[in-house]
Amino acid sequence: MKTIAFVDAAATRLPKRIGLGSQSFLVGALAGANSERCDVNLDAPVVCEPGTYFHIILKVPYGTATATELFRGSVGVNGYWE
């Protein structure tokens, strides 16, 4: 993994990456098959300062996707703004 040589400053922010878990599907799973649920409760709040973004990103590192396979889901975030 490439490291970025920045520090948090007035005009720059380092990415704050937190792994939320992983899910898997059986090879050849039927259409509409569900994966296990990822449920994460963080001990400390994740701060998203004004002018910055909060992303939740899905990465499919490898797979045997065919024309009939489609990966989709939903994400809910319990949070608040001050």
Foldseek 3Di string as FASTA:
>chain_A
DDDDPDDDDPVDDDDDDDDQDDWDDDAPDDPPDDIDDGDDDDPDDDDADPPGDDDDDDDDPDDDDDPRDDDDDDDDDDDDDD
